[in-house]
């Protein structure tokens, strides 16, 4: 149930932020948030990541749903009950992925709007759903890395991480 709640929160935050951007910035306006470092600007992403792979766009919702189903199957078989961090990470990934699937089904593109600039470098524009997926993946990788380090310290014994629960 925790994963469902986290996923729903991610979807609502993602869709609300995209609604705001479409209502306020789709006419080509840009909203500076932190000077030129962080800006909000409307972009229609018809590709998979950072605009790449636009020719395969009709297949992305199916691919995303297949990945979500695979992730949830892996979670149920291998990860369920191990840690709240894993539950949160899975919720973030599922919610973020579904947020972008909703965009593709409704608009046939994903609304991106977060623009980061580091001096002369501009990071590809992304959205709240992308952020949830990224944070979820980082949490999972961090959990598995720390779990593996704990195994090595204990000589390879099987255990569960208690300090991440």
N, C-alpha and C. Protein backbone atom coordinates (compact mmCIF):
# COMPACT_ATOMS: atom_id res chain seq x y z
N UNK A 1 0.82 -1.19 0.00
CA UNK A 1 0.00 0.00 0.00
C UNK A 1 0.87 1.27 0.00
N UNK A 2 2.01 1.22 0.71
CA UNK A 2 2.92 2.36 0.78
C UNK A 2 3.40 2.75 -0.62
N UNK A 3 3.73 1.75 -1.45
CA UNK A 3 4.20 2.01 -2.81
C UNK A 3 3.11 2.71 -3.62
N UNK A 4 1.87 2.27 -3.45
CA UNK A 4 0.76 2.88 -4.18
C UNK A 4 0.60 4.35 -3.79
N UNK A 5 0.68 4.64 -2.50
CA UNK A 5 0.54 6.02 -2.02
C UNK A 5 1.67 6.89 -2.58
N UNK A 6 2.90 6.39 -2.49
CA UNK A 6 4.05 7.14 -3.01
C UNK A 6 3.90 7.37 -4.52
N UNK A 7 3.48 6.34 -5.25
CA UNK A 7 3.28 6.48 -6.70
C UNK A 7 2.22 7.51 -7.01
N UNK A 8 1.12 7.48 -6.29
CA UNK A 8 0.04 8.45 -6.52
C UNK A 8 0.48 9.87 -6.22
N UNK A 9 1.24 10.05 -5.14
CA UNK A 9 1.77 11.38 -4.82
C UNK A 9 2.68 11.87 -5.95
N UNK A 10 3.54 11.00 -6.45
CA UNK A 10 4.43 11.37 -7.55
C UNK A 10 3.64 11.76 -8.79
N UNK A 11 2.61 10.99 -9.11
CA UNK A 11 1.79 11.28 -10.29
C UNK A 11 1.08 12.62 -10.13
N UNK A 12 0.49 12.85 -8.97
CA UNK A 12 -0.24 14.11 -8.74
C UNK A 12 0.70 15.30 -8.83
N UNK A 13 1.86 15.22 -8.17
CA UNK A 13 2.81 16.33 -8.23
C UNK A 13 3.30 16.57 -9.66
N UNK A 14 3.57 15.49 -10.37
CA UNK A 14 4.03 15.61 -11.74
C UNK A 14 2.96 16.24 -12.63
N UNK A 15 1.75 15.72 -12.58
CA UNK A 15 0.69 16.22 -13.45
C UNK A 15 0.29 17.65 -13.08
N UNK A 16 0.29 17.97 -11.79
CA UNK A 16 -0.03 19.35 -11.37
C UNK A 16 1.03 20.32 -11.88
N UNK A 17 2.29 19.93 -11.79
CA UNK A 17 3.36 20.83 -12.25
C UNK A 17 3.28 21.01 -13.77
N UNK A 18 2.98 19.94 -14.49
CA UNK A 18 2.85 20.05 -15.95
C UNK A 18 1.64 20.89 -16.33
N UNK A 19 0.54 20.75 -15.61
CA UNK A 19 -0.64 21.56 -15.87
C UNK A 19 -0.29 23.04 -15.71
N UNK A 20 0.42 23.37 -14.62
CA UNK A 20 0.79 24.75 -14.37
C UNK A 20 1.67 25.28 -15.51
N UNK A 21 2.61 24.48 -15.95
CA UNK A 21 3.52 24.91 -17.01
C UNK A 21 2.75 25.13 -18.31
N UNK A 22 1.86 24.20 -18.65
CA UNK A 22 1.08 24.36 -19.88
C UNK A 22 0.22 25.62 -19.80
N UNK A 23 -0.39 25.86 -18.65
CA UNK A 23 -1.26 27.03 -18.49
C UNK A 23 -0.48 28.35 -18.50
N UNK A 24 0.73 28.32 -17.99
CA UNK A 24 1.46 29.58 -17.80
C UNK A 24 2.65 29.81 -18.73
N UNK A 25 3.21 28.76 -19.31
CA UNK A 25 4.43 28.94 -20.08
C UNK A 25 4.37 28.41 -21.50
N UNK A 26 3.25 27.82 -21.92
CA UNK A 26 3.20 27.21 -23.26
C UNK A 26 3.26 28.24 -24.38
N UNK A 27 3.08 29.49 -24.05
CA UNK A 27 3.15 30.54 -25.07
C UNK A 27 4.58 30.99 -25.35
N UNK A 28 5.55 30.26 -24.81
CA UNK A 28 6.95 30.59 -25.08
C UNK A 28 7.63 31.39 -23.99
N UNK A 29 6.93 31.68 -22.90
CA UNK A 29 7.54 32.41 -21.79
C UNK A 29 8.50 31.51 -21.02
N UNK A 30 9.44 32.14 -20.35
CA UNK A 30 10.36 31.44 -19.45
C UNK A 30 10.24 32.10 -18.08
N UNK A 31 10.26 31.26 -17.03
CA UNK A 31 10.18 31.78 -15.67
C UNK A 31 11.48 31.48 -14.95
N UNK A 32 12.34 32.50 -14.72
CA UNK A 32 13.56 32.25 -13.96
C UNK A 32 13.20 31.94 -12.50
N UNK A 33 13.83 30.93 -11.95
CA UNK A 33 13.58 30.54 -10.54
C UNK A 33 14.79 30.92 -9.69
N UNK A 34 15.96 30.53 -10.13
CA UNK A 34 17.22 30.89 -9.46
C UNK A 34 18.14 31.54 -10.49
N UNK A 35 17.76 32.71 -10.91
CA UNK A 35 18.55 33.41 -11.92
C UNK A 35 18.62 32.60 -13.20
N UNK A 36 19.79 32.57 -13.81
CA UNK A 36 19.94 31.79 -15.04
C UNK A 36 20.29 30.33 -14.74
N UNK A 37 20.53 29.98 -13.47
CA UNK A 37 20.86 28.60 -13.11
C UNK A 37 19.67 27.66 -13.29
N UNK A 38 18.50 28.07 -12.81
CA UNK A 38 17.28 27.25 -12.88
C UNK A 38 16.15 28.08 -13.47
N UNK A 39 15.63 27.60 -14.59
CA UNK A 39 14.51 28.26 -15.26
C UNK A 39 13.43 27.24 -15.57
N UNK A 40 12.21 27.72 -15.67
CA UNK A 40 11.09 26.90 -16.11
C UNK A 40 10.71 27.36 -17.51
N UNK A 41 10.66 26.41 -18.44
CA UNK A 41 10.26 26.75 -19.80
C UNK A 41 9.62 25.52 -20.44
N UNK A 42 8.56 25.74 -21.19
CA UNK A 42 7.76 24.68 -21.79
C UNK A 42 8.48 24.04 -22.97
N UNK A 43 8.49 22.70 -22.98
CA UNK A 43 9.09 21.95 -24.09
C UNK A 43 8.27 20.68 -24.31
N UNK A 44 7.98 20.35 -25.56
CA UNK A 44 7.29 19.11 -25.89
C UNK A 44 8.33 18.08 -26.30
N UNK A 45 8.49 17.06 -25.47
CA UNK A 45 9.48 16.00 -25.73
C UNK A 45 8.78 14.82 -26.38
N UNK A 46 9.07 14.58 -27.62
CA UNK A 46 8.47 13.47 -28.36
C UNK A 46 9.38 12.26 -28.40
N UNK A 47 10.56 12.37 -27.78
CA UNK A 47 11.49 11.25 -27.73
C UNK A 47 11.40 10.52 -26.40
N UNK A 48 12.35 9.64 -26.15
CA UNK A 48 12.32 8.86 -24.92
C UNK A 48 13.05 9.57 -23.79
N UNK A 49 14.27 9.98 -24.03
CA UNK A 49 15.06 10.67 -23.02
C UNK A 49 15.81 11.80 -23.71
N UNK A 50 15.60 13.01 -23.21
CA UNK A 50 16.28 14.17 -23.75
C UNK A 50 16.00 14.36 -25.25
N UNK A 51 14.82 13.92 -25.69
CA UNK A 51 14.41 14.10 -27.07
C UNK A 51 14.94 13.07 -28.05
N UNK A 52 15.71 12.09 -27.58
CA UNK A 52 16.27 11.08 -28.48
C UNK A 52 15.21 10.02 -28.81
N UNK A 53 15.33 9.40 -29.97
CA UNK A 53 14.49 8.28 -30.35
C UNK A 53 13.05 8.65 -30.67
N UNK A 54 12.83 9.77 -31.32
CA UNK A 54 11.48 10.25 -31.59
C UNK A 54 10.71 9.33 -32.54
N UNK A 55 11.40 8.59 -33.39
CA UNK A 55 10.70 7.73 -34.35
C UNK A 55 10.00 6.55 -33.67
N UNK A 56 10.41 6.20 -32.47
CA UNK A 56 9.80 5.07 -31.76
C UNK A 56 8.77 5.51 -30.72
N UNK A 57 8.42 6.79 -30.73
CA UNK A 57 7.53 7.35 -29.72
C UNK A 57 6.23 6.58 -29.50
N UNK A 58 5.57 6.04 -30.54
CA UNK A 58 4.31 5.33 -30.29
C UNK A 58 4.48 4.09 -29.39
N UNK A 59 5.69 3.56 -29.32
CA UNK A 59 5.92 2.35 -28.53
C UNK A 59 6.31 2.64 -27.08
N UNK A 60 6.62 3.88 -26.75
CA UNK A 60 7.11 4.21 -25.42
C UNK A 60 6.12 3.90 -24.30
N UNK A 61 4.83 4.19 -24.45
CA UNK A 61 3.92 3.82 -23.36
C UNK A 61 3.91 2.32 -23.09
N UNK A 62 3.92 1.51 -24.15
CA UNK A 62 3.94 0.06 -23.97
C UNK A 62 5.25 -0.40 -23.33
N UNK A 63 6.35 0.17 -23.78
CA UNK A 63 7.65 -0.17 -23.21
C UNK A 63 7.70 0.22 -21.74
N UNK A 64 7.24 1.42 -21.41
CA UNK A 64 7.24 1.87 -20.01
C UNK A 64 6.37 0.97 -19.15
N UNK A 65 5.20 0.60 -19.64
CA UNK A 65 4.32 -0.28 -18.87
C UNK A 65 4.95 -1.66 -18.68
N UNK A 66 5.62 -2.17 -19.70
CA UNK A 66 6.31 -3.46 -19.57
C UNK A 66 7.42 -3.39 -18.53
N UNK A 67 8.16 -2.30 -18.52
CA UNK A 67 9.23 -2.12 -17.53
C UNK A 67 8.64 -2.00 -16.12
N UNK A 68 7.54 -1.26 -15.98
CA UNK A 68 6.88 -1.13 -14.68
C UNK A 68 6.42 -2.49 -14.18
N UNK A 69 5.80 -3.27 -15.05
CA UNK A 69 5.32 -4.61 -14.65
C UNK A 69 6.51 -5.48 -14.24
N UNK A 70 7.59 -5.43 -15.01
CA UNK A 70 8.79 -6.20 -14.67
C UNK A 70 9.38 -5.78 -13.34
N UNK A 71 9.43 -4.48 -13.09
CA UNK A 71 9.97 -3.96 -11.84
C UNK A 71 9.11 -4.40 -10.65
N UNK A 72 7.78 -4.30 -10.82
CA UNK A 72 6.89 -4.72 -9.73
C UNK A 72 6.97 -6.22 -9.49
N UNK A 73 7.15 -7.01 -10.54
CA UNK A 73 7.33 -8.47 -10.37
C UNK A 73 8.61 -8.75 -9.60
N UNK A 74 9.71 -8.09 -9.99
CA UNK A 74 10.99 -8.26 -9.29
C UNK A 74 10.86 -7.83 -7.83
N UNK A 75 10.18 -6.73 -7.61
CA UNK A 75 9.96 -6.25 -6.24
C UNK A 75 9.22 -7.31 -5.42
N UNK A 76 8.14 -7.83 -5.97
CA UNK A 76 7.32 -8.82 -5.23
C UNK A 76 8.13 -10.07 -4.92
N UNK A 77 8.94 -10.53 -5.87
CA UNK A 77 9.70 -11.77 -5.70
C UNK A 77 10.95 -11.60 -4.83
N UNK A 78 11.62 -10.44 -4.93
CA UNK A 78 12.93 -10.30 -4.31
C UNK A 78 13.05 -9.22 -3.24
N UNK A 79 12.24 -8.18 -3.29
CA UNK A 79 12.50 -7.01 -2.46
C UNK A 79 11.42 -6.69 -1.44
N UNK A 80 10.23 -7.22 -1.62
CA UNK A 80 9.10 -6.86 -0.77
C UNK A 80 9.42 -7.13 0.70
N UNK A 81 9.17 -6.11 1.53
CA UNK A 81 9.36 -6.25 2.97
C UNK A 81 10.79 -6.05 3.45
N UNK A 82 11.72 -5.78 2.56
CA UNK A 82 13.12 -5.61 2.99
C UNK A 82 13.39 -4.25 3.61
N UNK A 83 12.78 -3.19 3.06
CA UNK A 83 13.11 -1.85 3.53
C UNK A 83 12.09 -0.83 3.03
N UNK A 84 11.82 0.16 3.85
CA UNK A 84 10.96 1.27 3.42
C UNK A 84 11.65 2.07 2.32
N UNK A 85 12.97 2.11 2.33
CA UNK A 85 13.70 2.83 1.29
C UNK A 85 13.44 2.18 -0.06
N UNK A 86 13.46 0.85 -0.11
CA UNK A 86 13.17 0.15 -1.37
C UNK A 86 11.74 0.45 -1.79
N UNK A 87 10.81 0.38 -0.85
CA UNK A 87 9.40 0.68 -1.16
C UNK A 87 9.26 2.09 -1.73
N UNK A 88 9.92 3.05 -1.10
CA UNK A 88 9.86 4.44 -1.56
C UNK A 88 10.48 4.56 -2.95
N UNK A 89 11.61 3.93 -3.16
CA UNK A 89 12.28 3.99 -4.46
C UNK A 89 11.39 3.41 -5.56
N UNK A 90 10.79 2.27 -5.30
CA UNK A 90 9.90 1.65 -6.29
C UNK A 90 8.70 2.56 -6.55
N UNK A 91 8.13 3.15 -5.49
CA UNK A 91 7.02 4.09 -5.65
C UNK A 91 7.40 5.29 -6.49
N UNK A 92 8.59 5.83 -6.25
CA UNK A 92 9.07 6.97 -7.04
C UNK A 92 9.20 6.59 -8.52
N UNK A 93 9.82 5.44 -8.78
CA UNK A 93 10.05 5.01 -10.17
C UNK A 93 8.72 4.76 -10.88
N UNK A 94 7.83 4.02 -10.23
CA UNK A 94 6.54 3.71 -10.85
C UNK A 94 5.72 4.99 -11.06
N UNK A 95 5.64 5.84 -10.05
CA UNK A 95 4.88 7.08 -10.18
C UNK A 95 5.43 7.99 -11.26
N UNK A 96 6.76 8.13 -11.29
CA UNK A 96 7.37 8.97 -12.31
C UNK A 96 7.15 8.42 -13.71
N UNK A 97 7.34 7.13 -13.86
CA UNK A 97 7.13 6.51 -15.18
C UNK A 97 5.68 6.66 -15.63
N UNK A 98 4.74 6.44 -14.71
CA UNK A 98 3.33 6.58 -15.07
C UNK A 98 2.97 8.04 -15.38
N UNK A 99 3.60 8.99 -14.71
CA UNK A 99 3.36 10.39 -15.01
C UNK A 99 3.70 10.71 -16.46
N UNK A 100 4.82 10.16 -16.94
CA UNK A 100 5.19 10.40 -18.33
C UNK A 100 4.33 9.58 -19.30
N UNK A 101 3.91 8.39 -18.88
CA UNK A 101 3.00 7.59 -19.72
C UNK A 101 1.68 8.34 -19.92
N UNK A 102 1.17 8.94 -18.85
CA UNK A 102 -0.06 9.72 -18.96
C UNK A 102 0.10 10.82 -20.00
N UNK A 103 1.22 11.53 -19.96
CA UNK A 103 1.47 12.58 -20.96
C UNK A 103 1.44 12.01 -22.37
N UNK A 104 2.12 10.90 -22.58
CA UNK A 104 2.20 10.32 -23.93
C UNK A 104 0.83 9.89 -24.43
N UNK A 105 0.01 9.35 -23.52
CA UNK A 105 -1.32 8.91 -23.93
C UNK A 105 -2.26 10.09 -24.19
N UNK A 106 -2.12 11.16 -23.41
CA UNK A 106 -3.00 12.32 -23.54
C UNK A 106 -2.54 13.26 -24.65
N UNK A 107 -1.23 13.53 -24.72
CA UNK A 107 -0.71 14.54 -25.65
C UNK A 107 0.10 13.97 -26.81
N UNK A 108 0.55 12.73 -26.70
CA UNK A 108 1.50 12.08 -27.62
C UNK A 108 2.91 12.68 -27.50
N UNK A 109 3.16 13.38 -26.41
CA UNK A 109 4.48 13.88 -26.05
C UNK A 109 4.52 14.08 -24.54
N UNK A 110 5.72 14.29 -24.01
CA UNK A 110 5.89 14.55 -22.59
C UNK A 110 6.20 16.03 -22.40
N UNK A 111 5.54 16.64 -21.43
CA UNK A 111 5.80 18.04 -21.12
C UNK A 111 7.04 18.11 -20.22
N UNK A 112 8.10 18.72 -20.72
CA UNK A 112 9.32 18.96 -19.96
C UNK A 112 9.42 20.46 -19.71
N UNK A 113 10.04 20.84 -18.59
CA UNK A 113 10.07 22.27 -18.29
C UNK A 113 11.18 22.71 -17.34
N UNK A 114 11.88 21.82 -16.70
CA UNK A 114 12.94 22.22 -15.77
C UNK A 114 14.24 22.33 -16.55
N UNK A 115 14.80 23.53 -16.54
CA UNK A 115 16.00 23.81 -17.32
C UNK A 115 17.11 24.27 -16.38
N UNK A 116 18.20 23.51 -16.35
CA UNK A 116 19.36 23.84 -15.50
C UNK A 116 20.53 24.27 -16.37
N UNK A 117 21.21 25.30 -15.92
CA UNK A 117 22.36 25.83 -16.66
C UNK A 117 23.56 25.94 -15.71
N UNK A 118 24.67 25.37 -16.13
CA UNK A 118 25.92 25.44 -15.37
C UNK A 118 26.93 26.19 -16.23
N UNK A 119 27.02 27.50 -16.04
CA UNK A 119 27.90 28.31 -16.88
C UNK A 119 27.40 28.25 -18.32
N UNK A 120 28.24 27.74 -19.22
CA UNK A 120 27.84 27.64 -20.62
C UNK A 120 27.16 26.32 -20.95
N UNK A 121 27.11 25.40 -19.99
CA UNK A 121 26.47 24.09 -20.23
C UNK A 121 25.01 24.13 -19.79
N UNK A 122 24.14 23.66 -20.64
CA UNK A 122 22.72 23.53 -20.31
C UNK A 122 22.36 22.06 -20.26
N UNK A 123 21.86 21.61 -19.11
CA UNK A 123 21.42 20.23 -18.95
C UNK A 123 20.14 20.04 -19.76
N UNK A 124 19.92 18.87 -20.36
CA UNK A 124 18.66 18.65 -21.09
C UNK A 124 17.44 18.92 -20.20
N UNK A 125 16.43 19.53 -20.78
CA UNK A 125 15.21 19.90 -20.05
C UNK A 125 14.49 18.63 -19.60
N UNK A 126 13.97 18.65 -18.37
CA UNK A 126 13.29 17.48 -17.80
C UNK A 126 12.08 17.92 -17.01
N UNK A 127 11.43 16.98 -16.32
CA UNK A 127 10.22 17.30 -15.57
C UNK A 127 10.23 16.61 -14.20
N UNK A 128 9.17 16.79 -13.45
CA UNK A 128 9.07 16.24 -12.10
C UNK A 128 9.06 14.70 -12.14
N UNK A 129 8.38 14.12 -13.13
CA UNK A 129 8.35 12.67 -13.26
C UNK A 129 9.76 12.11 -13.45
N UNK A 130 10.54 12.76 -14.31
CA UNK A 130 11.93 12.35 -14.53
C UNK A 130 12.72 12.40 -13.23
N UNK A 131 12.45 13.43 -12.43
CA UNK A 131 13.15 13.58 -11.15
C UNK A 131 12.80 12.44 -10.20
N UNK A 132 11.52 12.07 -10.16
CA UNK A 132 11.12 10.95 -9.31
C UNK A 132 11.79 9.65 -9.74
N UNK A 133 11.82 9.40 -11.04
CA UNK A 133 12.47 8.18 -11.54
C UNK A 133 13.95 8.19 -11.17
N UNK A 134 14.61 9.31 -11.38
CA UNK A 134 16.04 9.42 -11.09
C UNK A 134 16.33 9.21 -9.60
N UNK A 135 15.58 9.87 -8.74
CA UNK A 135 15.78 9.71 -7.30
C UNK A 135 15.50 8.27 -6.88
N UNK A 136 14.46 7.66 -7.44
CA UNK A 136 14.15 6.27 -7.13
C UNK A 136 15.28 5.33 -7.51
N UNK A 137 15.83 5.51 -8.69
CA UNK A 137 16.95 4.66 -9.14
C UNK A 137 18.17 4.89 -8.25
N UNK A 138 18.45 6.13 -7.90
CA UNK A 138 19.59 6.42 -7.02
C UNK A 138 19.40 5.77 -5.65
N UNK A 139 18.19 5.86 -5.10
CA UNK A 139 17.92 5.21 -3.81
C UNK A 139 18.13 3.70 -3.88
N UNK A 140 17.64 3.08 -4.95
CA UNK A 140 17.85 1.62 -5.11
C UNK A 140 19.32 1.28 -5.21
N UNK A 141 20.04 2.01 -6.05
CA UNK A 141 21.47 1.74 -6.20
C UNK A 141 22.22 1.95 -4.89
N UNK A 142 21.89 3.01 -4.19
CA UNK A 142 22.52 3.29 -2.90
C UNK A 142 22.21 2.18 -1.89
N UNK A 143 20.97 1.75 -1.85
CA UNK A 143 20.59 0.66 -0.95
C UNK A 143 21.40 -0.60 -1.25
N UNK A 144 21.43 -0.99 -2.54
CA UNK A 144 22.15 -2.21 -2.91
C UNK A 144 23.65 -2.07 -2.67
N UNK A 145 24.22 -0.90 -2.93
CA UNK A 145 25.64 -0.68 -2.68
C UNK A 145 25.95 -0.80 -1.19
N UNK A 146 25.16 -0.13 -0.35
CA UNK A 146 25.39 -0.19 1.09
C UNK A 146 25.14 -1.59 1.64
N UNK A 147 24.15 -2.27 1.09
CA UNK A 147 23.86 -3.63 1.52
C UNK A 147 25.03 -4.55 1.16
N UNK A 148 25.60 -4.36 -0.02
CA UNK A 148 26.74 -5.16 -0.45
C UNK A 148 27.96 -4.87 0.42
N UNK A 149 28.18 -3.60 0.76
CA UNK A 149 29.30 -3.24 1.63
C UNK A 149 29.15 -3.88 3.00
N UNK A 150 27.92 -3.90 3.51
CA UNK A 150 27.65 -4.54 4.81
C UNK A 150 27.93 -6.03 4.74
N UNK A 151 27.53 -6.67 3.63
CA UNK A 151 27.83 -8.10 3.44
C UNK A 151 29.34 -8.35 3.48
N UNK A 152 30.10 -7.49 2.82
CA UNK A 152 31.56 -7.67 2.78
C UNK A 152 32.16 -7.49 4.16
N UNK A 153 31.65 -6.54 4.94
CA UNK A 153 32.16 -6.34 6.30
C UNK A 153 31.86 -7.52 7.20
N UNK A 154 30.74 -8.16 6.95
CA UNK A 154 30.34 -9.29 7.79
C UNK A 154 30.80 -10.63 7.22
N UNK A 155 31.62 -10.58 6.20
CA UNK A 155 32.16 -11.82 5.65
C UNK A 155 31.20 -12.56 4.74
N UNK A 156 30.27 -11.83 4.12
CA UNK A 156 29.38 -12.46 3.15
C UNK A 156 28.14 -13.09 3.76
N UNK A 157 27.91 -12.88 5.05
CA UNK A 157 26.72 -13.46 5.67
C UNK A 157 25.46 -12.87 5.06
N UNK A 158 24.41 -13.68 5.00
CA UNK A 158 23.13 -13.18 4.53
C UNK A 158 22.47 -12.40 5.67
N UNK A 159 21.94 -11.25 5.37
CA UNK A 159 21.30 -10.43 6.39
C UNK A 159 20.38 -9.42 5.74
N UNK A 160 19.70 -8.68 6.57
CA UNK A 160 18.91 -7.55 6.09
C UNK A 160 19.46 -6.30 6.75
N UNK A 161 19.48 -5.20 5.99
CA UNK A 161 19.95 -3.93 6.54
C UNK A 161 18.90 -3.39 7.49
N UNK A 162 19.29 -3.18 8.72
CA UNK A 162 18.32 -2.66 9.68
C UNK A 162 18.34 -1.14 9.76
N UNK A 163 19.49 -0.52 9.44
CA UNK A 163 19.55 0.92 9.57
C UNK A 163 18.88 1.66 8.41
N UNK A 164 18.38 0.97 7.39
CA UNK A 164 17.65 1.61 6.29
C UNK A 164 16.16 1.37 6.40
N UNK A 165 15.72 0.65 7.37
CA UNK A 165 14.29 0.31 7.47
C UNK A 165 13.50 1.42 8.06
